[in-house]
Amino acid sequence: SVSNNPVYQQLKIALAESEANVASLRARVSEYE
C-alpha cells in the first residue's frame, strides 16, 4: 500500500526533481567558480 500510494509516489518524484535540481546547481556553481 505504501509503494502504491499516489502521495508517496509524488514525494518520490519531487525528491528526484530536487536531486536533479541540486545536480544542476552544483554544475552551475562549478562553472562559475
Full PDB file with SEQRES, HELIX, SHEET, SSBOND, CRYST1, ORIGX, SCALE, CONECT and MASTER records, all heavy atoms in Angstrom:
SEQRES   1 A   33  SER VAL SER ASN ASN PRO VAL TYR GLN GLN LEU LYS ILE          
SEQRES   2 A   33  ALA LEU ALA GLU SER GLU ALA ASN VAL ALA SER LEU ARG          
SEQRES   3 A   33  ALA ARG VAL SER GLU TYR GLU                                  
HELIX    1 AA1 PRO A    6  TYR A   32  1                                  27    
CRYST1    1.000    1.000    1.000  90.00  90.00  90.00 P 1           1          
ORIGX1      1.000000  0.000000  0.000000        0.00000                         
ORIGX2      0.000000  1.000000  0.000000        0.00000                         
ORIGX3      0.000000  0.000000  1.000000        0.00000                         
SCALE1      1.000000  0.000000  0.000000        0.00000                         
SCALE2      0.000000  1.000000  0.000000        0.00000                         
SCALE3      0.000000  0.000000  1.000000        0.00000                         
ATOM      1  N   SER A   1       0.832  -1.219   0.000  1.00  0.00           N  
ATOM      2  CA  SER A   1       0.000   0.000   0.000  1.00  0.00           C  
ATOM      3  C   SER A   1       0.852   1.247   0.000  1.00  0.00           C  
ATOM      4  O   SER A   1       0.482   2.271  -0.587  1.00  0.00           O  
ATOM      5  CB  SER A   1      -0.925  -0.017   1.232  1.00  0.00           C  
ATOM      6  OG  SER A   1      -0.144  -0.049   2.421  1.00  0.00           O  
ATOM      7  N   VAL A   2       1.976   1.171   0.662  1.00  0.00           N  
ATOM      8  CA  VAL A   2       2.816   2.385   0.744  1.00  0.00           C  
ATOM      9  C   VAL A   2       3.400   2.718  -0.616  1.00  0.00           C  
ATOM     10  O   VAL A   2       3.381   3.852  -1.060  1.00  0.00           O  
ATOM     11  CB  VAL A   2       3.917   2.181   1.786  1.00  0.00           C  
ATOM     12  CG1 VAL A   2       4.868   3.359   1.792  1.00  0.00           C  
ATOM     13  CG2 VAL A   2       3.301   2.002   3.147  1.00  0.00           C  
ATOM     14  N   SER A   3       3.950   1.652  -1.284  1.00  0.00           N  
ATOM     15  CA  SER A   3       4.601   1.935  -2.588  1.00  0.00           C  
ATOM     16  C   SER A   3       3.601   2.317  -3.644  1.00  0.00           C  
ATOM     17  O   SER A   3       3.937   3.034  -4.569  1.00  0.00           O  
ATOM     18  CB  SER A   3       5.394   0.712  -3.037  1.00  0.00           C  
ATOM     19  OG  SER A   3       4.516  -0.399  -3.180  1.00  0.00           O  
ATOM     20  N   ASN A   4       2.360   1.841  -3.501  1.00  0.00           N  
ATOM     21  CA  ASN A   4       1.342   2.197  -4.496  1.00  0.00           C  
ATOM     22  C   ASN A   4       0.558   3.436  -4.106  1.00  0.00           C  
ATOM     23  O   ASN A   4      -0.366   3.824  -4.814  1.00  0.00           O  
ATOM     24  CB  ASN A   4       0.372   1.027  -4.694  1.00  0.00           C  
ATOM     25  CG  ASN A   4       1.078  -0.163  -5.347  1.00  0.00           C  
ATOM     26  OD1 ASN A   4       1.990   0.024  -6.129  1.00  0.00           O  
ATOM     27  ND2 ASN A   4       0.634  -1.364  -4.995  1.00  0.00           N  
ATOM     28  N   ASN A   5       0.930   4.045  -2.991  1.00  0.00           N  
ATOM     29  CA  ASN A   5       0.228   5.247  -2.547  1.00  0.00           C  
ATOM     30  C   ASN A   5       0.592   6.396  -3.492  1.00  0.00           C  
ATOM     31  O   ASN A   5       1.773   6.698  -3.691  1.00  0.00           O  
ATOM     32  CB  ASN A   5       0.635   5.583  -1.114  1.00  0.00           C  
ATOM     33  CG  ASN A   5      -0.248   6.708  -0.549  1.00  0.00           C  
ATOM     34  OD1 ASN A   5      -1.087   7.260  -1.233  1.00  0.00           O  
ATOM     35  ND2 ASN A   5      -0.021   7.011   0.719  1.00  0.00           N  
ATOM     36  N   PRO A   6      -0.384   7.078  -4.102  1.00  0.00           N  
ATOM     37  CA  PRO A   6      -0.084   8.194  -5.016  1.00  0.00           C  
ATOM     38  C   PRO A   6       0.693   9.312  -4.328  1.00  0.00           C  
ATOM     39  O   PRO A   6       1.560   9.943  -4.949  1.00  0.00           O  
ATOM     40  CB  PRO A   6      -1.466   8.659  -5.469  1.00  0.00           C  
ATOM     41  CG  PRO A   6      -2.349   7.463  -5.303  1.00  0.00           C  
ATOM     42  CD  PRO A   6      -1.838   6.749  -4.078  1.00  0.00           C  
ATOM     43  N   VAL A   7       0.395   9.589  -3.052  1.00  0.00           N  
ATOM     44  CA  VAL A   7       1.109  10.644  -2.343  1.00  0.00           C  
ATOM     45  C   VAL A   7       2.590  10.280  -2.199  1.00  0.00           C  
ATOM     46  O   VAL A   7       3.490  11.112  -2.387  1.00  0.00           O  
ATOM     47  CB  VAL A   7       0.479  10.903  -0.972  1.00  0.00           C  
ATOM     48  CG1 VAL A   7       1.268  11.942  -0.201  1.00  0.00           C  
ATOM     49  CG2 VAL A   7      -0.971  11.323  -1.135  1.00  0.00           C  
ATOM     50  N   TYR A   8       2.844   9.034  -1.878  1.00  0.00           N  
ATOM     51  CA  TYR A   8       4.225   8.580  -1.749  1.00  0.00           C  
ATOM     52  C   TYR A   8       4.971   8.671  -3.085  1.00  0.00           C  
ATOM     53  O   TYR A   8       6.135   9.078  -3.139  1.00  0.00           O  
ATOM     54  CB  TYR A   8       4.227   7.132  -1.228  1.00  0.00           C  
ATOM     55  CG  TYR A   8       5.584   6.543  -1.048  1.00  0.00           C  
ATOM     56  CD1 TYR A   8       6.383   6.907   0.041  1.00  0.00           C  
ATOM     57  CD2 TYR A   8       6.091   5.619  -1.984  1.00  0.00           C  
ATOM     58  CE1 TYR A   8       7.632   6.360   0.199  1.00  0.00           C  
ATOM     59  CE2 TYR A   8       7.346   5.080  -1.822  1.00  0.00           C  
ATOM     60  CZ  TYR A   8       8.128   5.444  -0.726  1.00  0.00           C  
ATOM     61  OH  TYR A   8       9.392   4.909  -0.601  1.00  0.00           O  
ATOM     62  N   GLN A   9       4.242   8.271  -4.133  1.00  0.00           N  
ATOM     63  CA  GLN A   9       4.858   8.369  -5.453  1.00  0.00           C  
ATOM     64  C   GLN A   9       5.172   9.813  -5.814  1.00  0.00           C  
ATOM     65  O   GLN A   9       6.228  10.118  -6.397  1.00  0.00           O  
ATOM     66  CB  GLN A   9       3.936   7.731  -6.513  1.00  0.00           C  
ATOM     67  CG  GLN A   9       3.800   6.220  -6.358  1.00  0.00           C  
ATOM     68  CD  GLN A   9       2.849   5.633  -7.384  1.00  0.00           C  
ATOM     69  OE1 GLN A   9       2.277   6.370  -8.188  1.00  0.00           O  
ATOM     70  NE2 GLN A   9       2.680   4.311  -7.347  1.00  0.00           N  
ATOM     71  N   GLN A  10       4.261  10.720  -5.483  1.00  0.00           N  
ATOM     72  CA  GLN A  10       4.526  12.137  -5.780  1.00  0.00           C  
ATOM     73  C   GLN A  10       5.710  12.662  -4.972  1.00  0.00           C  
ATOM     74  O   GLN A  10       6.508  13.455  -5.460  1.00  0.00           O  
ATOM     75  CB  GLN A  10       3.261  12.953  -5.487  1.00  0.00           C  
ATOM     76  CG  GLN A  10       2.131  12.713  -6.481  1.00  0.00           C  
ATOM     77  CD  GLN A  10       0.904  13.540  -6.164  1.00  0.00           C  
ATOM     78  OE1 GLN A  10       0.894  14.290  -5.189  1.00  0.00           O  
ATOM     79  NE2 GLN A  10      -0.132  13.371  -6.973  1.00  0.00           N  
ATOM     80  N   LEU A  11       5.879  12.220  -3.739  1.00  0.00           N  
ATOM     81  CA  LEU A  11       7.031  12.624  -2.942  1.00  0.00           C  
ATOM     82  C   LEU A  11       8.332  12.112  -3.551  1.00  0.00           C  
ATOM     83  O   LEU A  11       9.347  12.824  -3.586  1.00  0.00           O  
ATOM     84  CB  LEU A  11       6.891  12.103  -1.511  1.00  0.00           C  
ATOM     85  CG  LEU A  11       5.853  12.823  -0.632  1.00  0.00           C  
ATOM     86  CD1 LEU A  11       5.736  12.125   0.714  1.00  0.00           C  
ATOM     87  CD2 LEU A  11       6.253  14.280  -0.425  1.00  0.00           C  
ATOM     88  N   LYS A  12       8.291  10.870  -4.035  1.00  0.00           N  
ATOM     89  CA  LYS A  12       9.489  10.340  -4.665  1.00  0.00           C  
ATOM     90  C   LYS A  12       9.830  11.095  -5.939  1.00  0.00           C  
ATOM     91  O   LYS A  12      11.001  11.381  -6.243  1.00  0.00           O  
ATOM     92  CB  LYS A  12       9.294   8.844  -4.971  1.00  0.00           C  
ATOM     93  CG  LYS A  12       9.240   7.967  -3.738  1.00  0.00           C  
ATOM     94  CD  LYS A  12       9.273   6.502  -4.090  1.00  0.00           C  
ATOM     95  CE  LYS A  12      10.600   6.104  -4.653  1.00  0.00           C  
ATOM     96  NZ  LYS A  12      10.692   4.649  -4.914  1.00  0.00           N  
ATOM     97  N   ILE A  13       8.771  11.458  -6.702  1.00  0.00           N  
ATOM     98  CA  ILE A  13       9.021  12.247  -7.929  1.00  0.00           C  
ATOM     99  C   ILE A  13       9.604  13.611  -7.574  1.00  0.00           C  
ATOM    100  O   ILE A  13      10.547  14.097  -8.203  1.00  0.00           O  
ATOM    101  CB  ILE A  13       7.706  12.384  -8.735  1.00  0.00           C  
ATOM    102  CG1 ILE A  13       7.277  11.018  -9.298  1.00  0.00           C  
ATOM    103  CG2 ILE A  13       7.867  13.399  -9.860  1.00  0.00           C  
ATOM    104  CD1 ILE A  13       5.899  11.008  -9.940  1.00  0.00           C  
ATOM    105  N   ALA A  14       9.051  14.249  -6.532  1.00  0.00           N  
ATOM    106  CA  ALA A  14       9.571  15.546  -6.106  1.00  0.00           C  
ATOM    107  C   ALA A  14      11.007  15.434  -5.611  1.00  0.00           C  
ATOM    108  O   ALA A  14      11.848  16.320  -5.855  1.00  0.00           O  
ATOM    109  CB  ALA A  14       8.686  16.145  -5.011  1.00  0.00           C  
ATOM    110  N   LEU A  15      11.339  14.312  -4.931  1.00  0.00           N  
ATOM    111  CA  LEU A  15      12.699  14.103  -4.467  1.00  0.00           C  
ATOM    112  C   LEU A  15      13.662  13.942  -5.645  1.00  0.00           C  
ATOM    113  O   LEU A  15      14.772  14.491  -5.653  1.00  0.00           O  
ATOM    114  CB  LEU A  15      12.768  12.863  -3.574  1.00  0.00           C  
ATOM    115  CG  LEU A  15      14.150  12.505  -3.038  1.00  0.00           C  
ATOM    116  CD1 LEU A  15      14.718  13.636  -2.184  1.00  0.00           C  
ATOM    117  CD2 LEU A  15      14.079  11.197  -2.228  1.00  0.00           C  
ATOM    118  N   ALA A  16      13.222  13.199  -6.663  1.00  0.00           N  
ATOM    119  CA  ALA A  16      14.074  13.039  -7.854  1.00  0.00           C  
ATOM    120  C   ALA A  16      14.293  14.379  -8.542  1.00  0.00           C  
ATOM    121  O   ALA A  16      15.412  14.707  -8.986  1.00  0.00           O  
ATOM    122  CB  ALA A  16      13.433  12.032  -8.816  1.00  0.00           C  
ATOM    123  N   GLU A  17      13.208  15.173  -8.628  1.00  0.00           N  
ATOM    124  CA  GLU A  17      13.362  16.500  -9.234  1.00  0.00           C  
ATOM    125  C   GLU A  17      14.301  17.366  -8.404  1.00  0.00           C  
ATOM    126  O   GLU A  17      15.113  18.119  -8.940  1.00  0.00           O  
ATOM    127  CB  GLU A  17      11.995  17.168  -9.363  1.00  0.00           C  
ATOM    128  CG  GLU A  17      11.091  16.494 -10.394  1.00  0.00           C  
ATOM    129  CD  GLU A  17       9.720  17.148 -10.445  1.00  0.00           C  
ATOM    130  OE1 GLU A  17       9.472  18.039  -9.579  1.00  0.00           O  
ATOM    131  OE2 GLU A  17       8.918  16.805 -11.338  1.00  0.00           O  
ATOM    132  N   SER A  18      14.208  17.266  -7.100  1.00  0.00           N  
ATOM    133  CA  SER A  18      15.098  18.043  -6.238  1.00  0.00           C  
ATOM    134  C   SER A  18      16.551  17.610  -6.410  1.00  0.00           C  
ATOM    135  O   SER A  18      17.467  18.440  -6.435  1.00  0.00           O  
ATOM    136  CB  SER A  18      14.671  17.879  -4.775  1.00  0.00           C  
ATOM    137  OG  SER A  18      15.524  18.605  -3.923  1.00  0.00           O  
ATOM    138  N   GLU A  19      16.755  16.247  -6.533  1.00  0.00           N  
ATOM    139  CA  GLU A  19      18.112  15.758  -6.768  1.00  0.00           C  
ATOM    140  C   GLU A  19      18.661  16.311  -8.096  1.00  0.00           C  
ATOM    141  O   GLU A  19      19.819  16.740  -8.185  1.00  0.00           O  
ATOM    142  CB  GLU A  19      18.122  14.233  -6.792  1.00  0.00           C  
ATOM    143  CG  GLU A  19      17.847  13.575  -5.457  1.00  0.00           C  
ATOM    144  CD  GLU A  19      19.060  13.618  -4.545  1.00  0.00           C  
ATOM    145  OE1 GLU A  19      20.123  14.119  -4.996  1.00  0.00           O  
ATOM    146  OE2 GLU A  19      18.944  13.186  -3.390  1.00  0.00           O  
ATOM    147  N   ALA A  20      17.818  16.295  -9.115  1.00  0.00           N  
ATOM    148  CA  ALA A  20      18.254  16.821 -10.415  1.00  0.00           C  
ATOM    149  C   ALA A  20      18.563  18.311 -10.322  1.00  0.00           C  
ATOM    150  O   ALA A  20      19.544  18.807 -10.905  1.00  0.00           O  
ATOM    151  CB  ALA A  20      17.181  16.561 -11.467  1.00  0.00           C  
ATOM    152  N   ASN A  21      17.719  19.050  -9.563  1.00  0.00           N  
ATOM    153  CA  ASN A  21      17.948  20.492  -9.396  1.00  0.00           C  
ATOM    154  C   ASN A  21      19.263  20.746  -8.662  1.00  0.00           C  
ATOM    155  O   ASN A  21      20.031  21.657  -9.003  1.00  0.00           O  
ATOM    156  CB  ASN A  21      16.772  21.107  -8.648  1.00  0.00           C  
ATOM    157  CG  ASN A  21      16.855  22.620  -8.605  1.00  0.00           C  
ATOM    158  OD1 ASN A  21      17.483  23.232  -9.473  1.00  0.00           O  
ATOM    159  ND2 ASN A  21      16.223  23.224  -7.618  1.00  0.00           N  
ATOM    160  N   VAL A  22      19.538  19.917  -7.633  1.00  0.00           N  
ATOM    161  CA  VAL A  22      20.797  20.071  -6.887  1.00  0.00           C  
ATOM    162  C   VAL A  22      21.995  19.804  -7.803  1.00  0.00           C  
ATOM    163  O   VAL A  22      23.001  20.535  -7.780  1.00  0.00           O  
ATOM    164  CB  VAL A  22      20.806  19.134  -5.661  1.00  0.00           C  
ATOM    165  CG1 VAL A  22      22.206  19.074  -5.051  1.00  0.00           C  
ATOM    166  CG2 VAL A  22      19.798  19.606  -4.631  1.00  0.00           C  
ATOM    167  N   ALA A  23      21.897  18.756  -8.618  1.00  0.00           N  
ATOM    168  CA  ALA A  23      22.997  18.448  -9.547  1.00  0.00           C  
ATOM    169  C   ALA A  23      23.207  19.595 -10.541  1.00  0.00           C  
ATOM    170  O   ALA A  23      24.350  19.976 -10.863  1.00  0.00           O  
ATOM    171  CB  ALA A  23      22.711  17.140 -10.275  1.00  0.00           C  
ATOM    172  N   SER A  24      22.097  20.151 -11.020  1.00  0.00           N  
ATOM    173  CA  SER A  24      22.205  21.270 -11.969  1.00  0.00           C  
ATOM    174  C   SER A  24      22.854  22.482 -11.311  1.00  0.00           C  
ATOM    175  O   SER A  24      23.728  23.143 -11.896  1.00  0.00           O  
ATOM    176  CB  SER A  24      20.816  21.622 -12.503  1.00  0.00           C  
ATOM    177  OG  SER A  24      20.875  22.763 -13.321  1.00  0.00           O  
ATOM    178  N   LEU A  25      22.436  22.780 -10.060  1.00  0.00           N  
ATOM    179  CA  LEU A  25      23.021  23.922  -9.355  1.00  0.00           C  
ATOM    180  C   LEU A  25      24.489  23.680  -9.041  1.00  0.00           C  
ATOM    181  O   LEU A  25      25.299  24.617  -9.066  1.00  0.00           O  
ATOM    182  CB  LEU A  25      22.229  24.193  -8.076  1.00  0.00           C  
ATOM    183  CG  LEU A  25      20.821  24.776  -8.291  1.00  0.00           C  
ATOM    184  CD1 LEU A  25      20.082  24.890  -6.969  1.00  0.00           C  
ATOM    185  CD2 LEU A  25      20.906  26.147  -8.973  1.00  0.00           C  
ATOM    186  N   ARG A  26      24.852  22.448  -8.735  1.00  0.00           N  
ATOM    187  CA  ARG A  26      26.262  22.148  -8.489  1.00  0.00           C  
ATOM    188  C   ARG A  26      27.099  22.383  -9.755  1.00  0.00           C  
ATOM    189  O   ARG A  26      28.206  22.947  -9.699  1.00  0.00           O  
ATOM    190  CB  ARG A  26      26.412  20.712  -8.017  1.00  0.00           C  
ATOM    191  CG  ARG A  26      26.034  20.501  -6.566  1.00  0.00           C  
ATOM    192  CD  ARG A  26      26.180  19.055  -6.177  1.00  0.00           C  
ATOM    193  NE  ARG A  26      25.855  18.857  -4.761  1.00  0.00           N  
ATOM    194  CZ  ARG A  26      25.760  17.662  -4.176  1.00  0.00           C  
ATOM    195  NH1 ARG A  26      25.976  16.549  -4.937  1.00  0.00           N  
ATOM    196  NH2 ARG A  26      25.467  17.556  -2.902  1.00  0.00           N  
ATOM    197  N   ALA A  27      26.557  21.943 -10.902  1.00  0.00           N  
ATOM    198  CA  ALA A  27      27.270  22.185 -12.167  1.00  0.00           C  
ATOM    199  C   ALA A  27      27.399  23.682 -12.444  1.00  0.00           C  
ATOM    200  O   ALA A  27      28.450  24.160 -12.903  1.00  0.00           O  
ATOM    201  CB  ALA A  27      26.537  21.486 -13.317  1.00  0.00           C  
ATOM    202  N   ARG A  28      26.331  24.436 -12.135  1.00  0.00           N  
ATOM    203  CA  ARG A  28      26.389  25.887 -12.354  1.00  0.00           C  
ATOM    204  C   ARG A  28      27.417  26.523 -11.438  1.00  0.00           C  
ATOM    205  O   ARG A  28      28.217  27.380 -11.866  1.00  0.00           O  
ATOM    206  CB  ARG A  28      25.008  26.490 -12.105  1.00  0.00           C  
ATOM    207  CG  ARG A  28      24.979  27.995 -12.309  1.00  0.00           C  
ATOM    208  CD  ARG A  28      23.604  28.560 -12.038  1.00  0.00           C  
ATOM    209  NE  ARG A  28      22.626  27.990 -12.957  1.00  0.00           N  
ATOM    210  CZ  ARG A  28      21.326  28.298 -12.936  1.00  0.00           C  
ATOM    211  NH1 ARG A  28      20.867  29.137 -12.009  1.00  0.00           N  
ATOM    212  NH2 ARG A  28      20.499  27.764 -13.812  1.00  0.00           N  
ATOM    213  N   VAL A  29      27.415  26.110 -10.157  1.00  0.00           N  
ATOM    214  CA  VAL A  29      28.388  26.670  -9.219  1.00  0.00           C  
ATOM    215  C   VAL A  29      29.822  26.331  -9.654  1.00  0.00           C  
ATOM    216  O   VAL A  29      30.732  27.170  -9.608  1.00  0.00           O  
ATOM    217  CB  VAL A  29      28.112  26.155  -7.794  1.00  0.00           C  
ATOM    218  CG1 VAL A  29      29.263  26.505  -6.855  1.00  0.00           C  
ATOM    219  CG2 VAL A  29      26.810  26.749  -7.268  1.00  0.00           C  
ATOM    220  N   SER A  30      30.024  25.089 -10.103  1.00  0.00           N  
ATOM    221  CA  SER A  30      31.353  24.695 -10.556  1.00  0.00           C  
ATOM    222  C   SER A  30      31.788  25.515 -11.770  1.00  0.00           C  
ATOM    223  O   SER A  30      32.940  25.965 -11.867  1.00  0.00           O  
ATOM    224  CB  SER A  30      31.355  23.202 -10.893  1.00  0.00           C  
ATOM    225  OG  SER A  30      32.599  22.822 -11.401  1.00  0.00           O  
ATOM    226  N   GLU A  31      30.870  25.752 -12.697  1.00  0.00           N  
ATOM    227  CA  GLU A  31      31.194  26.545 -13.883  1.00  0.00           C  
ATOM    228  C   GLU A  31      31.564  27.977 -13.512  1.00  0.00           C  
ATOM    229  O   GLU A  31      32.565  28.527 -13.999  1.00  0.00           O  
ATOM    230  CB  GLU A  31      30.011  26.517 -14.853  1.00  0.00           C  
ATOM    231  CG  GLU A  31      30.176  27.394 -16.079  1.00  0.00           C  
ATOM    232  CD  GLU A  31      31.319  26.960 -16.968  1.00  0.00           C  
ATOM    233  OE1 GLU A  31      31.719  25.788 -16.898  1.00  0.00           O  
ATOM    234  OE2 GLU A  31      31.836  27.817 -17.727  1.00  0.00           O  
ATOM    235  N   TYR A  32      30.745  28.584 -12.633  1.00  0.00           N  
ATOM    236  CA  TYR A  32      31.036  29.962 -12.242  1.00  0.00           C  
ATOM    237  C   TYR A  32      32.317  30.051 -11.411  1.00  0.00           C  
ATOM    238  O   TYR A  32      33.031  31.058 -11.473  1.00  0.00           O  
ATOM    239  CB  TYR A  32      29.856  30.562 -11.478  1.00  0.00           C  
ATOM    240  CG  TYR A  32      28.757  31.039 -12.406  1.00  0.00           C  
ATOM    241  CD1 TYR A  32      27.519  30.403 -12.433  1.00  0.00           C  
ATOM    242  CD2 TYR A  32      28.964  32.134 -13.253  1.00  0.00           C  
ATOM    243  CE1 TYR A  32      26.510  30.838 -13.291  1.00  0.00           C  
ATOM    244  CE2 TYR A  32      27.958  32.566 -14.105  1.00  0.00           C  
ATOM    245  CZ  TYR A  32      26.738  31.914 -14.132  1.00  0.00           C  
ATOM    246  OH  TYR A  32      25.758  32.348 -14.976  1.00  0.00           O  
ATOM    247  N   GLU A  33      32.610  29.013 -10.630  1.00  0.00           N  
ATOM    248  CA  GLU A  33      33.878  29.018  -9.908  1.00  0.00           C  
ATOM    249  C   GLU A  33      35.067  28.962 -10.869  1.00  0.00           C  
ATOM    250  O   GLU A  33      36.078  29.655 -10.669  1.00  0.00           O  
ATOM    251  CB  GLU A  33      33.925  27.824  -8.939  1.00  0.00           C  
ATOM    252  CG  GLU A  33      33.057  28.018  -7.709  1.00  0.00           C  
ATOM    253  CD  GLU A  33      33.099  26.803  -6.807  1.00  0.00           C  
ATOM    254  OE1 GLU A  33      33.622  25.759  -7.266  1.00  0.00           O  
ATOM    255  OE2 GLU A  33      32.601  26.894  -5.664  1.00  0.00           O  
TER     256      GLU A  33                                                      
MASTER        0    0    0    1    0    0    0    6  255    1    0    3          
END                                                                             
